[in-house]
Amino acid sequence: MVMGLLHLDRFLRFIAPVALSAFTTTAAFLIATTQMKYMFGLHIEASGFVQTYVEIFKHIKETNLITFGLGVCSVLFLFFSKYITAKYGSRYKIPDPGAIILVLLSVGLVKWLELDTKYHVDVVGETPSGFPSFRAPWSEIEDPKLLTKLLVDAIVIAAVNYILAMAIAKSFAEKCKVVLDTSQELLAISSANFVGSFFGTFVAGGSFSGSA
């Protein structure tokens, strides 16, 4: 929030559009790579771009064909939904409903055909309900000196988180032809993280998979 009050968002003007384009392209490849093992239904441990594909090819014979089929059909459905929305949705100002429709169809199909038990298709499973309990973020720190030691790291993490979020926001703003208020975005992200810290939430920021 201090960054927002000091209007530090103006430093984003120094980030070249070429750098943003390179960032978004690289992120697209990395996101696709992280999802590949789930696409094939493989349970492998791999870190890094190249290592992931090496492990996938090593265990390619262990591919769950049902999971792979669901993945391919899902990707084709999303492309089809995007095509239909681009062709007809703009006329009626209808957002692309492909993702939510796909989730509902997938849940129903897995439940109806019992794909998780009969064919070992991985599912998310049960999700906890309710809200986490309220507690101050510093209440679990026994040594007060630790707060000062973490201050520099916290500032760096906050700055990097904001830059990444704005890089994503700018790429989508250019694509959707909307004006991006970086100062307002900084205030929104900082406020969300400030309030969320009292409930033990994950850090709020940008996500290509979530934004897409």
C-alpha atoms as a PDB file:
ATOM      1  CA  MET A   1       0.000   0.000   0.000  1.00  0.00           C
ATOM      2  CA  VAL A   2       2.970   2.283   0.648  1.00  0.00           C
ATOM      3  CA  MET A   3       4.042   1.695  -2.964  1.00  0.00           C
ATOM      4  CA  GLY A   4       0.607   2.850  -4.094  1.00  0.00           C
ATOM      5  CA  LEU A   5       0.680   5.981  -1.938  1.00  0.00           C
ATOM      6  CA  LEU A   6       4.119   6.853  -3.335  1.00  0.00           C
ATOM      7  CA  HIS A   7       2.882   6.265  -6.917  1.00  0.00           C
ATOM      8  CA  LEU A   8       5.721   3.863  -7.659  1.00  0.00           C
ATOM      9  CA  ASP A   9       3.685   2.489 -10.548  1.00  0.00           C
ATOM     10  CA  ARG A  10       5.237   5.162 -12.781  1.00  0.00           C
ATOM     11  CA  PHE A  11       8.413   3.051 -12.940  1.00  0.00           C
ATOM     12  CA  LEU A  12       6.512   0.634 -15.181  1.00  0.00           C
ATOM     13  CA  ARG A  13       6.945   3.115 -18.020  1.00  0.00           C
ATOM     14  CA  PHE A  14      10.560   1.992 -18.268  1.00  0.00           C
ATOM     15  CA  ILE A  15       9.536  -1.583 -19.155  1.00  0.00           C
ATOM     16  CA  ALA A  16       9.723  -1.866 -22.948  1.00  0.00           C
ATOM     17  CA  PRO A  17       6.828  -3.478 -24.881  1.00  0.00           C
ATOM     18  CA  VAL A  18       9.350  -5.918 -26.370  1.00  0.00           C
ATOM     19  CA  ALA A  19      10.223  -7.122 -22.876  1.00  0.00           C
ATOM     20  CA  LEU A  20       6.546  -7.643 -22.072  1.00  0.00           C
ATOM     21  CA  SER A  21       6.028  -9.558 -25.311  1.00  0.00           C
ATOM     22  CA  ALA A  22       9.008 -11.799 -24.575  1.00  0.00           C
ATOM     23  CA  PHE A  23       7.740 -12.366 -21.051  1.00  0.00           C
ATOM     24  CA  THR A  24       4.248 -13.382 -22.147  1.00  0.00           C
ATOM     25  CA  THR A  25       5.574 -15.715 -24.859  1.00  0.00           C
ATOM     26  CA  THR A  26       7.980 -17.417 -22.470  1.00  0.00           C
ATOM     27  CA  ALA A  27       5.287 -17.734 -19.833  1.00  0.00           C
ATOM     28  CA  ALA A  28       2.970 -19.418 -22.340  1.00  0.00           C
ATOM     29  CA  PHE A  29       5.561 -22.124 -23.065  1.00  0.00           C
ATOM     30  CA  LEU A  30       6.336 -22.622 -19.371  1.00  0.00           C
ATOM     31  CA  ILE A  31       2.657 -22.922 -18.417  1.00  0.00           C
ATOM     32  CA  ALA A  32       2.047 -25.442 -21.199  1.00  0.00           C
ATOM     33  CA  THR A  33       5.070 -27.427 -20.036  1.00  0.00           C
ATOM     34  CA  THR A  34       3.906 -27.593 -16.418  1.00  0.00           C
ATOM     35  CA  GLN A  35       0.546 -28.988 -17.555  1.00  0.00           C
ATOM     36  CA  MET A  36       1.949 -31.669 -19.873  1.00  0.00           C
ATOM     37  CA  LYS A  37       2.335 -34.370 -17.221  1.00  0.00           C
ATOM     38  CA  TYR A  38      -1.316 -33.894 -16.244  1.00  0.00           C
ATOM     39  CA  MET A  39      -2.297 -34.051 -19.901  1.00  0.00           C
ATOM     40  CA  PHE A  40      -0.763 -37.524 -20.162  1.00  0.00           C
ATOM     41  CA  GLY A  41      -1.916 -38.606 -16.708  1.00  0.00           C
ATOM     42  CA  LEU A  42       1.653 -39.184 -15.544  1.00  0.00           C
ATOM     43  CA  HIS A  43       2.912 -39.021 -11.971  1.00  0.00           C
ATOM     44  CA  ILE A  44       6.468 -37.800 -12.456  1.00  0.00           C
ATOM     45  CA  GLU A  45       8.779 -35.486 -10.557  1.00  0.00           C
ATOM     46  CA  ALA A  46      10.580 -33.014 -12.782  1.00  0.00           C
ATOM     47  CA  SER A  47      11.865 -29.483 -12.453  1.00  0.00           C
ATOM     48  CA  GLY A  48      12.798 -27.298 -15.379  1.00  0.00           C
ATOM     49  CA  PHE A  49      11.643 -26.988 -18.965  1.00  0.00           C
ATOM     50  CA  VAL A  50      13.880 -29.606 -20.583  1.00  0.00           C
ATOM     51  CA  GLN A  51      13.798 -32.050 -17.674  1.00  0.00           C
ATOM     52  CA  THR A  52       9.997 -32.152 -17.759  1.00  0.00           C
ATOM     53  CA  TYR A  53       9.914 -33.320 -21.382  1.00  0.00           C
ATOM     54  CA  VAL A  54      12.734 -35.800 -20.760  1.00  0.00           C
ATOM     55  CA  GLU A  55      10.725 -37.401 -17.940  1.00  0.00           C
ATOM     56  CA  ILE A  56       7.547 -37.415 -20.039  1.00  0.00           C
ATOM     57  CA  PHE A  57       9.263 -39.296 -22.880  1.00  0.00           C
ATOM     58  CA  LYS A  58      10.785 -41.728 -20.382  1.00  0.00           C
ATOM     59  CA  HIS A  59       7.350 -42.608 -19.003  1.00  0.00           C
ATOM     60  CA  ILE A  60       5.322 -42.166 -22.196  1.00  0.00           C
ATOM     61  CA  LYS A  61       4.206 -45.820 -22.070  1.00  0.00           C
ATOM     62  CA  GLU A  62       2.528 -45.133 -18.717  1.00  0.00           C
ATOM     63  CA  THR A  63       0.155 -42.619 -20.310  1.00  0.00           C
ATOM     64  CA  ASN A  64      -3.426 -42.823 -19.088  1.00  0.00           C
ATOM     65  CA  LEU A  65      -5.296 -42.877 -22.405  1.00  0.00           C
ATOM     66  CA  ILE A  66      -8.580 -41.773 -20.831  1.00  0.00           C
ATOM     67  CA  THR A  67      -6.904 -38.762 -19.240  1.00  0.00           C
ATOM     68  CA  PHE A  68      -5.092 -37.966 -22.491  1.00  0.00           C
ATOM     69  CA  GLY A  69      -8.334 -38.215 -24.453  1.00  0.00           C
ATOM     70  CA  LEU A  70     -10.096 -35.894 -22.022  1.00  0.00           C
ATOM     71  CA  GLY A  71      -7.220 -33.429 -22.288  1.00  0.00           C
ATOM     72  CA  VAL A  72      -7.218 -33.371 -26.091  1.00  0.00           C
ATOM     73  CA  CYS A  73     -11.000 -33.007 -26.255  1.00  0.00           C
ATOM     74  CA  SER A  74     -10.861 -30.203 -23.685  1.00  0.00           C
ATOM     75  CA  VAL A  75      -8.271 -28.253 -25.674  1.00  0.00           C
ATOM     76  CA  LEU A  76     -10.248 -28.673 -28.904  1.00  0.00           C
ATOM     77  CA  PHE A  77     -13.437 -27.592 -27.140  1.00  0.00           C
ATOM     78  CA  LEU A  78     -11.775 -24.427 -25.800  1.00  0.00           C
ATOM     79  CA  PHE A  79     -10.467 -23.522 -29.266  1.00  0.00           C
ATOM     80  CA  PHE A  80     -13.922 -24.131 -30.752  1.00  0.00           C
ATOM     81  CA  SER A  81     -15.584 -22.036 -28.051  1.00  0.00           C
ATOM     82  CA  LYS A  82     -13.106 -19.228 -28.618  1.00  0.00           C
ATOM     83  CA  TYR A  83     -13.766 -19.330 -32.374  1.00  0.00           C
ATOM     84  CA  ILE A  84     -17.547 -19.221 -31.923  1.00  0.00           C
ATOM     85  CA  THR A  85     -17.317 -16.398 -29.390  1.00  0.00           C
ATOM     86  CA  ALA A  86     -15.024 -14.368 -31.647  1.00  0.00           C
ATOM     87  CA  LYS A  87     -17.398 -14.840 -34.591  1.00  0.00           C
ATOM     88  CA  TYR A  88     -20.749 -14.278 -32.888  1.00  0.00           C
ATOM     89  CA  GLY A  89     -20.076 -13.135 -29.328  1.00  0.00           C
ATOM     90  CA  SER A  90     -18.802  -9.667 -30.217  1.00  0.00           C
ATOM     91  CA  ARG A  91     -22.106  -8.874 -31.897  1.00  0.00           C
ATOM     92  CA  TYR A  92     -24.036  -9.581 -28.702  1.00  0.00           C
ATOM     93  CA  LYS A  93     -21.195  -8.712 -26.279  1.00  0.00           C
ATOM     94  CA  ILE A  94     -21.150 -12.237 -24.832  1.00  0.00           C
ATOM     95  CA  PRO A  95     -17.960 -13.349 -23.016  1.00  0.00           C
ATOM     96  CA  ASP A  96     -16.432 -16.715 -23.851  1.00  0.00           C
ATOM     97  CA  PRO A  97     -18.273 -19.299 -21.688  1.00  0.00           C
ATOM     98  CA  GLY A  98     -16.071 -22.181 -22.849  1.00  0.00           C
ATOM     99  CA  ALA A  99     -14.076 -22.622 -19.632  1.00  0.00           C
ATOM    100  CA  ILE A 100     -17.056 -22.794 -17.260  1.00  0.00           C
ATOM    101  CA  ILE A 101     -19.001 -25.066 -19.625  1.00  0.00           C
ATOM    102  CA  LEU A 102     -15.983 -27.365 -19.884  1.00  0.00           C
ATOM    103  CA  VAL A 103     -15.656 -27.584 -16.095  1.00  0.00           C
ATOM    104  CA  LEU A 104     -19.331 -28.484 -15.680  1.00  0.00           C
ATOM    105  CA  LEU A 105     -19.214 -31.078 -18.471  1.00  0.00           C
ATOM    106  CA  SER A 106     -16.001 -32.615 -17.120  1.00  0.00           C
ATOM    107  CA  VAL A 107     -17.315 -32.896 -13.564  1.00  0.00           C
ATOM    108  CA  GLY A 108     -20.549 -34.462 -14.797  1.00  0.00           C
ATOM    109  CA  LEU A 109     -18.740 -36.880 -17.116  1.00  0.00           C
ATOM    110  CA  VAL A 110     -16.269 -38.039 -14.458  1.00  0.00           C
ATOM    111  CA  LYS A 111     -19.059 -38.500 -11.916  1.00  0.00           C
ATOM    112  CA  TRP A 112     -21.417 -40.279 -14.316  1.00  0.00           C
ATOM    113  CA  LEU A 113     -18.856 -42.684 -15.800  1.00  0.00           C
ATOM    114  CA  GLU A 114     -16.852 -43.014 -12.563  1.00  0.00           C
ATOM    115  CA  LEU A 115     -13.657 -42.243 -14.429  1.00  0.00           C
ATOM    116  CA  ASP A 116     -11.740 -41.541 -11.222  1.00  0.00           C
ATOM    117  CA  THR A 117     -12.336 -44.994  -9.723  1.00  0.00           C
ATOM    118  CA  LYS A 118     -12.578 -47.188 -12.829  1.00  0.00           C
ATOM    119  CA  TYR A 119      -9.899 -45.580 -15.004  1.00  0.00           C
ATOM    120  CA  HIS A 120      -7.735 -43.777 -12.406  1.00  0.00           C
ATOM    121  CA  VAL A 121      -8.386 -40.308 -13.776  1.00  0.00           C
ATOM    122  CA  ASP A 122      -7.010 -37.766 -11.292  1.00  0.00           C
ATOM    123  CA  VAL A 123      -9.571 -35.370  -9.836  1.00  0.00           C
ATOM    124  CA  VAL A 124      -9.319 -32.405  -7.488  1.00  0.00           C
ATOM    125  CA  GLY A 125     -11.347 -34.138  -4.800  1.00  0.00           C
ATOM    126  CA  GLU A 126     -13.150 -32.502  -1.912  1.00  0.00           C
ATOM    127  CA  THR A 127     -12.465 -28.834  -1.227  1.00  0.00           C
ATOM    128  CA  PRO A 128     -12.687 -27.357   2.294  1.00  0.00           C
ATOM    129  CA  SER A 129     -15.665 -25.130   3.020  1.00  0.00           C
ATOM    130  CA  GLY A 130     -15.919 -21.945   5.043  1.00  0.00           C
ATOM    131  CA  PHE A 131     -13.382 -19.202   5.731  1.00  0.00           C
ATOM    132  CA  PRO A 132     -10.046 -19.439   7.571  1.00  0.00           C
ATOM    133  CA  SER A 133      -9.890 -18.005  11.076  1.00  0.00           C
ATOM    134  CA  PHE A 134      -8.808 -14.406  11.660  1.00  0.00           C
ATOM    135  CA  ARG A 135      -5.292 -13.947  13.053  1.00  0.00           C
ATOM    136  CA  ALA A 136      -2.636 -11.256  12.887  1.00  0.00           C
ATOM    137  CA  PRO A 137       0.200 -12.183  10.492  1.00  0.00           C
ATOM    138  CA  TRP A 138       2.831 -11.360  13.131  1.00  0.00           C
ATOM    139  CA  SER A 139       1.179 -13.355  15.928  1.00  0.00           C
ATOM    140  CA  GLU A 140       3.082 -16.560  15.098  1.00  0.00           C
ATOM    141  CA  ILE A 141       6.508 -14.892  15.009  1.00  0.00           C
ATOM    142  CA  GLU A 142       8.221 -15.426  18.365  1.00  0.00           C
ATOM    143  CA  ASP A 143      11.315 -13.315  17.668  1.00  0.00           C
ATOM    144  CA  PRO A 144      10.431  -9.659  16.846  1.00  0.00           C
ATOM    145  CA  LYS A 145      13.880  -9.204  15.279  1.00  0.00           C
ATOM    146  CA  LEU A 146      12.831 -11.616  12.555  1.00  0.00           C
ATOM    147  CA  LEU A 147      10.408  -8.991  11.221  1.00  0.00           C
ATOM    148  CA  THR A 148      13.247  -6.553  10.534  1.00  0.00           C
ATOM    149  CA  LYS A 149      15.328  -9.308   8.937  1.00  0.00           C
ATOM    150  CA  LEU A 150      12.487 -10.143   6.564  1.00  0.00           C
ATOM    151  CA  LEU A 151      11.735  -6.515   5.673  1.00  0.00           C
ATOM    152  CA  VAL A 152      14.139  -6.263   2.719  1.00  0.00           C
ATOM    153  CA  ASP A 153      13.034  -9.627   1.307  1.00  0.00           C
ATOM    154  CA  ALA A 154       9.389  -8.608   1.711  1.00  0.00           C
ATOM    155  CA  ILE A 155       9.965  -5.382  -0.238  1.00  0.00           C
ATOM    156  CA  VAL A 156      11.688  -7.270  -3.064  1.00  0.00           C
ATOM    157  CA  ILE A 157       8.911  -9.884  -3.208  1.00  0.00           C
ATOM    158  CA  ALA A 158       6.243  -7.154  -3.265  1.00  0.00           C
ATOM    159  CA  ALA A 159       8.017  -5.306  -6.098  1.00  0.00           C
ATOM    160  CA  VAL A 160       8.535  -8.443  -8.201  1.00  0.00           C
ATOM    161  CA  ASN A 161       4.952  -9.571  -7.596  1.00  0.00           C
ATOM    162  CA  TYR A 162       3.611  -6.212  -8.759  1.00  0.00           C
ATOM    163  CA  ILE A 163       5.830  -6.093 -11.855  1.00  0.00           C
ATOM    164  CA  LEU A 164       4.739  -9.589 -12.888  1.00  0.00           C
ATOM    165  CA  ALA A 165       1.078  -8.769 -12.283  1.00  0.00           C
ATOM    166  CA  MET A 166       1.324  -5.573 -14.317  1.00  0.00           C
ATOM    167  CA  ALA A 167       3.149  -7.335 -17.141  1.00  0.00           C
ATOM    168  CA  ILE A 168       0.238  -9.749 -17.384  1.00  0.00           C
ATOM    169  CA  ALA A 169      -2.334  -6.965 -17.021  1.00  0.00           C
ATOM    170  CA  LYS A 170      -0.683  -4.876 -19.743  1.00  0.00           C
ATOM    171  CA  SER A 171      -0.570  -7.769 -22.182  1.00  0.00           C
ATOM    172  CA  PHE A 172      -4.279  -8.472 -21.695  1.00  0.00           C
ATOM    173  CA  ALA A 173      -5.149  -4.757 -21.739  1.00  0.00           C
ATOM    174  CA  GLU A 174      -3.516  -4.378 -25.160  1.00  0.00           C
ATOM    175  CA  LYS A 175      -5.258  -7.502 -26.404  1.00  0.00           C
ATOM    176  CA  CYS A 176      -8.693  -6.410 -25.136  1.00  0.00           C
ATOM    177  CA  LYS A 177      -8.190  -2.738 -26.117  1.00  0.00           C
ATOM    178  CA  VAL A 178      -8.794  -1.333 -22.628  1.00  0.00           C
ATOM    179  CA  VAL A 179      -7.024   1.405 -20.673  1.00  0.00           C
ATOM    180  CA  LEU A 180      -5.014   0.119 -17.709  1.00  0.00           C
ATOM    181  CA  ASP A 181      -4.770   2.256 -14.565  1.00  0.00           C
ATOM    182  CA  THR A 182      -1.531   0.977 -13.028  1.00  0.00           C
ATOM    183  CA  SER A 183      -1.967   3.073  -9.886  1.00  0.00           C
ATOM    184  CA  GLN A 184      -5.404   1.599  -9.251  1.00  0.00           C
ATOM    185  CA  GLU A 185      -4.091  -1.902  -9.915  1.00  0.00           C
ATOM    186  CA  LEU A 186      -1.295  -1.384  -7.390  1.00  0.00           C
ATOM    187  CA  LEU A 187      -3.788  -0.211  -4.770  1.00  0.00           C
ATOM    188  CA  ALA A 188      -6.063  -3.192  -5.456  1.00  0.00           C
ATOM    189  CA  ILE A 189      -3.262  -5.776  -5.201  1.00  0.00           C
ATOM    190  CA  SER A 190      -1.781  -4.233  -2.060  1.00  0.00           C
ATOM    191  CA  SER A 191      -5.189  -3.967  -0.369  1.00  0.00           C
ATOM    192  CA  ALA A 192      -6.002  -7.595  -1.190  1.00  0.00           C
ATOM    193  CA  ASN A 193      -2.685  -8.781   0.236  1.00  0.00           C
ATOM    194  CA  PHE A 194      -3.019  -6.617   3.344  1.00  0.00           C
ATOM    195  CA  VAL A 195      -6.477  -7.931   4.216  1.00  0.00           C
ATOM    196  CA  GLY A 196      -5.608 -11.473   3.135  1.00  0.00           C
ATOM    197  CA  SER A 197      -2.590 -11.580   5.451  1.00  0.00           C
ATOM    198  CA  PHE A 198      -4.978 -11.635   8.422  1.00  0.00           C
ATOM    199  CA  PHE A 199      -6.616 -14.813   7.109  1.00  0.00           C
ATOM    200  CA  GLY A 200      -3.548 -16.781   6.014  1.00  0.00           C
ATOM    201  CA  THR A 201      -4.320 -16.481   2.300  1.00  0.00           C
ATOM    202  CA  PHE A 202      -1.888 -16.942  -0.555  1.00  0.00           C
ATOM    203  CA  VAL A 203      -0.252 -13.837  -1.985  1.00  0.00           C
ATOM    204  CA  ALA A 204      -2.505 -12.095  -4.513  1.00  0.00           C
ATOM    205  CA  GLY A 205      -0.868 -11.345  -7.840  1.00  0.00           C
ATOM    206  CA  GLY A 206      -0.977 -12.022 -11.548  1.00  0.00           C
ATOM    207  CA  SER A 207      -1.532 -15.408 -13.140  1.00  0.00           C
ATOM    208  CA  PHE A 208      -1.614 -16.192 -16.863  1.00  0.00           C
ATOM    209  CA  SER A 209      -3.623 -19.361 -16.323  1.00  0.00           C
ATOM    210  CA  GLY A 210      -6.103 -17.533 -14.104  1.00  0.00           C
ATOM    211  CA  SER A 211      -6.345 -14.480 -16.375  1.00  0.00           C
ATOM    212  CA  ALA A 212      -6.740 -16.530 -19.538  1.00  0.00           C
END
